[in-house]
Amino acid sequence: MIDAQALDLDQALQLLQQAGALLPDEPPRSVAWLQAVLDALCDLSSKDALTGLVNRRSFEMALTREVDRVARSGEAALLLILDIDHFKAVNDTHGHGAGDLVICAVAKAIAQAVRPMDLVARVGGEEFAIILPNCATHVGLIVAERVRERVAELSVEIAPGQMLGVTVSLGGAFAPQWVRSSTLLWTERADRQLYRAKADGRNRTRLEPQIDSLVSAEEKGMLFTPLNVDTQQDLP
């Protein structure tokens, strides 16, 4: 993670050059040039260096905002967590360079399968996550299956003339509507569905069923505890 405030200008420029970022064409050290450098640093700190997707830190911040938005608006939102099937075998057999090519190809396929408003992040080595705001429950499985199918269609060239197929397993959960949940609870729910997809044979999509009734004790506590406190304060 980059702490832009802790960098001096020369360090910032060196960091951008190492990352292959294009420096602005504005006159050096002008206000516009300095703003462009700052914007490039912010972009660098929020993106995954390999794929260009949002990184884990930015994803977690976006997930927190989405939890708050769902609690206020009541609109449905879906969290998908997915990872590449048998990815360790790719690295062990073909090397980490081939693994990087597979990760980049999967990242591109995922981004092409969702809406511009959806947020796609790389949250681990071969693990990705997607936040789909304002996603109706009946649409969730369709979107998840589109992502899975788009990846399954890939044929990644890992060496001249050597192609490799790839699949992903996906798990998903909707944030409880009108309920103050937490990012941890929401992520755990999606993770459980990802484990189901793997246990069922991989290259599968599994979404949490009966979302309207799935409100945990922790979420009920977050919903009602403030109300109880206010009530107690009003009592004589």
Protein backbone atom coordinates (compact mmCIF):
# COMPACT_ATOMS: atom_id res chain seq x y z
CA MET A 1 0.00 0.00 0.00
CA ILE A 2 1.35 3.41 -0.97
CA ASP A 3 1.32 6.22 1.57
CA ALA A 4 1.33 9.19 -0.78
CA GLN A 5 1.73 11.63 2.09
CA ALA A 6 4.98 9.96 3.19
CA LEU A 7 6.65 10.32 -0.22
CA ASP A 8 8.65 13.27 -1.41
CA LEU A 9 8.35 14.26 -5.06
CA ASP A 10 11.48 12.46 -6.26
CA GLN A 11 10.37 9.23 -4.54
CA ALA A 12 6.93 9.57 -6.08
CA LEU A 13 8.35 9.99 -9.58
CA GLN A 14 10.67 7.02 -9.11
CA LEU A 15 7.77 4.87 -7.95
CA LEU A 16 5.65 5.84 -10.94
CA GLN A 17 8.51 5.13 -13.34
CA GLN A 18 9.10 1.70 -11.79
CA ALA A 19 5.41 0.93 -12.20
CA GLY A 20 5.52 1.94 -15.85
CA ALA A 21 3.11 4.82 -15.34
CA LEU A 22 3.12 7.54 -17.96
CA LEU A 23 4.18 10.89 -16.57
CA PRO A 24 2.01 13.88 -17.45
CA ASP A 25 2.84 16.10 -20.42
CA GLU A 26 2.21 19.26 -18.41
CA PRO A 27 5.16 21.61 -17.64
CA PRO A 28 7.20 20.00 -14.82
CA ARG A 29 6.19 21.05 -11.32
CA SER A 30 3.29 23.17 -12.51
CA VAL A 31 0.03 22.88 -10.58
CA ALA A 32 -1.49 20.72 -13.32
CA TRP A 33 1.63 18.52 -13.44
CA LEU A 34 1.67 18.01 -9.66
CA GLN A 35 -2.06 17.19 -9.68
CA ALA A 36 -1.51 14.64 -12.45
CA VAL A 37 1.32 13.02 -10.45
CA LEU A 38 -0.91 12.84 -7.38
CA ASP A 39 -3.76 11.32 -9.41
CA ALA A 40 -1.37 8.72 -10.83
CA LEU A 41 -0.18 7.82 -7.32
CA CYS A 42 -3.75 7.43 -6.07
CA ASP A 43 -4.56 5.24 -9.03
CA LEU A 44 -1.44 3.15 -8.41
CA SER A 45 -2.34 2.66 -4.74
CA SER A 46 -5.85 1.43 -5.55
CA LYS A 47 -5.07 -0.95 -8.42
CA ASP A 48 -3.62 -4.44 -8.58
CA ALA A 49 -0.29 -4.16 -10.37
CA LEU A 50 -0.67 -7.36 -12.42
CA THR A 51 -4.26 -7.12 -13.67
CA GLY A 52 -5.17 -3.46 -13.31
CA LEU A 53 -8.25 -4.43 -11.33
CA VAL A 54 -9.14 -2.86 -8.00
CA ASN A 55 -6.89 -4.22 -5.23
CA ARG A 56 -7.96 -5.75 -1.93
CA ARG A 57 -7.71 -2.53 0.08
CA SER A 58 -9.95 -0.61 -2.31
CA PHE A 59 -12.33 -3.55 -2.55
CA GLU A 60 -12.79 -3.66 1.23
CA MET A 61 -13.51 0.06 1.30
CA ALA A 62 -16.08 -0.33 -1.49
CA LEU A 63 -17.68 -3.28 0.28
CA THR A 64 -18.11 -1.21 3.44
CA ARG A 65 -19.81 1.53 1.44
CA GLU A 66 -22.11 -1.00 -0.21
CA VAL A 67 -23.16 -2.49 3.13
CA ASP A 68 -24.17 0.98 4.28
CA ARG A 69 -25.99 1.74 1.03
CA VAL A 70 -28.03 -1.48 1.16
CA ALA A 71 -28.99 -0.84 4.78
CA ARG A 72 -30.27 2.63 3.87
CA SER A 73 -31.89 1.96 0.50
CA GLY A 74 -33.05 -1.64 0.75
CA GLU A 75 -31.80 -2.34 -2.78
CA ALA A 76 -30.45 -5.82 -3.41
CA ALA A 77 -26.68 -6.21 -3.78
CA LEU A 78 -24.74 -9.35 -4.64
CA LEU A 79 -21.21 -10.26 -3.63
CA LEU A 80 -19.48 -12.90 -5.75
CA ILE A 81 -16.21 -14.52 -4.73
CA LEU A 82 -14.43 -16.73 -7.23
CA ASP A 83 -11.10 -18.40 -7.72
CA ILE A 84 -9.32 -20.22 -10.49
CA ASP A 85 -9.71 -23.97 -10.37
CA HIS A 86 -6.53 -26.02 -9.87
CA PHE A 87 -4.36 -22.92 -10.14
CA LYS A 88 -1.54 -24.43 -8.09
CA ALA A 89 -1.14 -27.10 -10.74
CA VAL A 90 -0.72 -24.38 -13.37
CA ASN A 91 2.15 -22.80 -11.44
CA ASP A 92 3.74 -26.13 -10.55
CA THR A 93 3.54 -27.50 -14.10
CA HIS A 94 4.07 -24.44 -16.27
CA GLY A 95 5.70 -21.88 -13.97
CA HIS A 96 4.63 -18.63 -12.41
CA GLY A 97 4.91 -16.75 -15.68
CA ALA A 98 2.18 -18.94 -17.12
CA GLY A 99 0.19 -18.44 -13.94
CA ASP A 100 0.37 -14.68 -14.39
CA LEU A 101 -0.90 -15.00 -17.96
CA VAL A 102 -3.85 -17.06 -16.74
CA ILE A 103 -4.66 -14.55 -13.99
CA CYS A 104 -4.63 -11.66 -16.45
CA ALA A 105 -6.81 -13.51 -18.95
CA VAL A 106 -9.35 -14.41 -16.26
CA ALA A 107 -9.37 -10.83 -14.95
CA LYS A 108 -10.16 -9.50 -18.42
CA ALA A 109 -12.91 -12.07 -18.98
CA ILE A 110 -14.58 -11.23 -15.66
CA ALA A 111 -14.49 -7.49 -16.35
CA GLN A 112 -16.08 -8.04 -19.76
CA ALA A 113 -18.91 -10.14 -18.32
CA VAL A 114 -20.28 -7.58 -15.85
CA ARG A 115 -21.75 -4.09 -15.98
CA PRO A 116 -19.59 -0.94 -15.87
CA MET A 117 -21.15 -0.10 -12.50
CA ASP A 118 -20.00 -3.41 -10.97
CA LEU A 119 -16.69 -3.50 -9.13
CA VAL A 120 -14.24 -6.28 -9.96
CA ALA A 121 -11.24 -6.81 -7.68
CA ARG A 122 -8.32 -9.15 -7.35
CA VAL A 123 -8.29 -9.96 -3.64
CA GLY A 124 -5.69 -12.73 -3.52
CA GLY A 125 -3.33 -14.75 -5.67
CA GLU A 126 -5.95 -16.46 -7.84
CA GLU A 127 -9.00 -15.10 -6.03
CA PHE A 128 -11.32 -12.41 -7.33
CA ALA A 129 -14.42 -10.67 -5.99
CA ILE A 130 -17.25 -8.76 -7.63
CA ILE A 131 -19.64 -6.32 -6.00
CA LEU A 132 -22.88 -6.00 -7.96
CA PRO A 133 -25.00 -3.13 -6.61
CA ASN A 134 -28.70 -2.90 -7.39
CA CYS A 135 -28.72 -6.52 -8.56
CA ALA A 136 -32.17 -8.13 -8.42
CA THR A 137 -32.18 -11.58 -6.86
CA HIS A 138 -33.45 -13.30 -9.99
CA VAL A 139 -30.62 -11.74 -12.01
CA GLY A 140 -27.80 -12.80 -9.69
CA LEU A 141 -27.47 -16.37 -10.90
CA ILE A 142 -27.63 -15.25 -14.54
CA VAL A 143 -24.73 -12.83 -14.04
CA ALA A 144 -22.68 -15.36 -12.08
CA GLU A 145 -23.20 -18.00 -14.75
CA ARG A 146 -22.23 -15.52 -17.46
CA VAL A 147 -18.94 -14.89 -15.66
CA ARG A 148 -18.29 -18.61 -15.27
CA GLU A 149 -19.08 -19.35 -18.90
CA ARG A 150 -16.98 -16.47 -20.20
CA VAL A 151 -13.94 -17.80 -18.32
CA ALA A 152 -14.61 -21.39 -19.41
CA GLU A 153 -14.45 -20.22 -23.03
CA LEU A 154 -10.89 -19.00 -22.59
CA SER A 155 -7.92 -20.60 -24.25
CA VAL A 156 -4.84 -18.95 -22.78
CA GLU A 157 -1.58 -19.04 -24.72
CA ILE A 158 1.02 -19.68 -22.02
CA ALA A 159 3.84 -20.35 -24.52
CA PRO A 160 4.13 -20.14 -28.33
CA GLY A 161 1.58 -22.63 -29.65
CA GLN A 162 0.71 -23.93 -26.16
CA MET A 163 -2.85 -23.21 -25.10
CA LEU A 164 -4.39 -23.80 -21.69
CA GLY A 165 -8.05 -23.99 -20.71
CA VAL A 166 -9.19 -22.51 -17.42
CA THR A 167 -12.30 -22.56 -15.23
CA VAL A 168 -13.44 -20.82 -12.07
CA SER A 169 -15.69 -21.68 -9.14
CA LEU A 170 -18.02 -18.98 -7.84
CA GLY A 171 -19.89 -18.42 -4.61
CA GLY A 172 -22.31 -15.61 -3.96
CA ALA A 173 -24.46 -14.04 -1.27
CA PHE A 174 -26.85 -11.10 -1.19
CA ALA A 175 -26.58 -8.48 1.52
CA PRO A 176 -29.69 -8.57 3.74
CA GLN A 177 -31.91 -5.69 2.71
CA TRP A 178 -32.84 -3.03 5.30
CA VAL A 179 -30.48 -4.72 7.77
CA ARG A 180 -27.20 -3.31 9.08
CA SER A 181 -24.83 -6.16 8.25
CA SER A 182 -21.02 -6.17 8.18
CA THR A 183 -18.46 -6.84 5.50
CA LEU A 184 -17.17 -9.84 7.46
CA LEU A 185 -20.56 -11.54 7.67
CA TRP A 186 -21.31 -10.85 4.02
CA THR A 187 -17.93 -12.19 2.89
CA GLU A 188 -18.26 -15.30 5.05
CA ARG A 189 -21.60 -16.09 3.43
CA ALA A 190 -20.17 -15.79 -0.06
CA ASP A 191 -17.14 -17.86 0.96
CA ARG A 192 -19.38 -20.69 2.16
CA GLN A 193 -21.01 -20.82 -1.24
CA LEU A 194 -17.61 -20.86 -2.92
CA TYR A 195 -16.68 -23.91 -0.84
CA ARG A 196 -19.94 -25.55 -1.96
CA ALA A 197 -19.04 -24.92 -5.60
CA LYS A 198 -15.64 -26.54 -5.10
CA ALA A 199 -17.08 -29.50 -3.20
CA ASP A 200 -19.62 -30.06 -5.97
CA GLY A 201 -16.88 -30.52 -8.55
CA ARG A 202 -15.58 -27.01 -9.40
CA ASN A 203 -16.48 -24.97 -12.48
CA ARG A 204 -19.75 -24.35 -10.64
CA THR A 205 -21.79 -21.40 -9.41
CA ARG A 206 -23.48 -21.56 -6.02
CA LEU A 207 -25.53 -18.72 -4.54
CA GLU A 208 -26.94 -18.55 -1.04
CA PRO A 209 -30.61 -19.64 -1.12
CA GLN A 210 -33.63 -18.03 0.54
CA ILE A 211 -31.94 -14.70 1.06
CA ASP A 212 -35.00 -13.00 2.53
CA SER A 213 -34.96 -15.23 5.60
CA LEU A 214 -31.20 -15.41 6.14
CA VAL A 215 -30.54 -12.77 8.74
CA SER A 216 -28.00 -13.87 11.32
CA ALA A 217 -28.14 -13.24 15.06
CA GLU A 218 -25.21 -10.83 14.72
CA GLU A 219 -27.08 -8.80 12.09
CA LYS A 220 -30.23 -8.75 14.20
CA GLY A 221 -28.12 -7.47 17.08
CA MET A 222 -26.68 -4.66 14.94
CA LEU A 223 -30.19 -3.76 13.86
CA PHE A 224 -31.90 -3.67 17.25
CA THR A 225 -29.20 -2.86 19.80
CA PRO A 226 -29.15 0.89 19.07
CA LEU A 227 -32.93 0.95 19.36
CA ASN A 228 -32.80 -0.73 22.76
CA VAL A 229 -30.22 1.76 23.98
CA ASP A 230 -32.37 4.70 22.88
CA THR A 231 -35.43 3.18 24.52
CA GLN A 232 -33.60 2.69 27.80
CA GLN A 233 -32.45 6.28 27.77
CA ASP A 234 -36.06 7.45 27.46
CA LEU A 235 -37.26 5.41 30.43
CA PRO A 236 -37.67 7.23 33.78
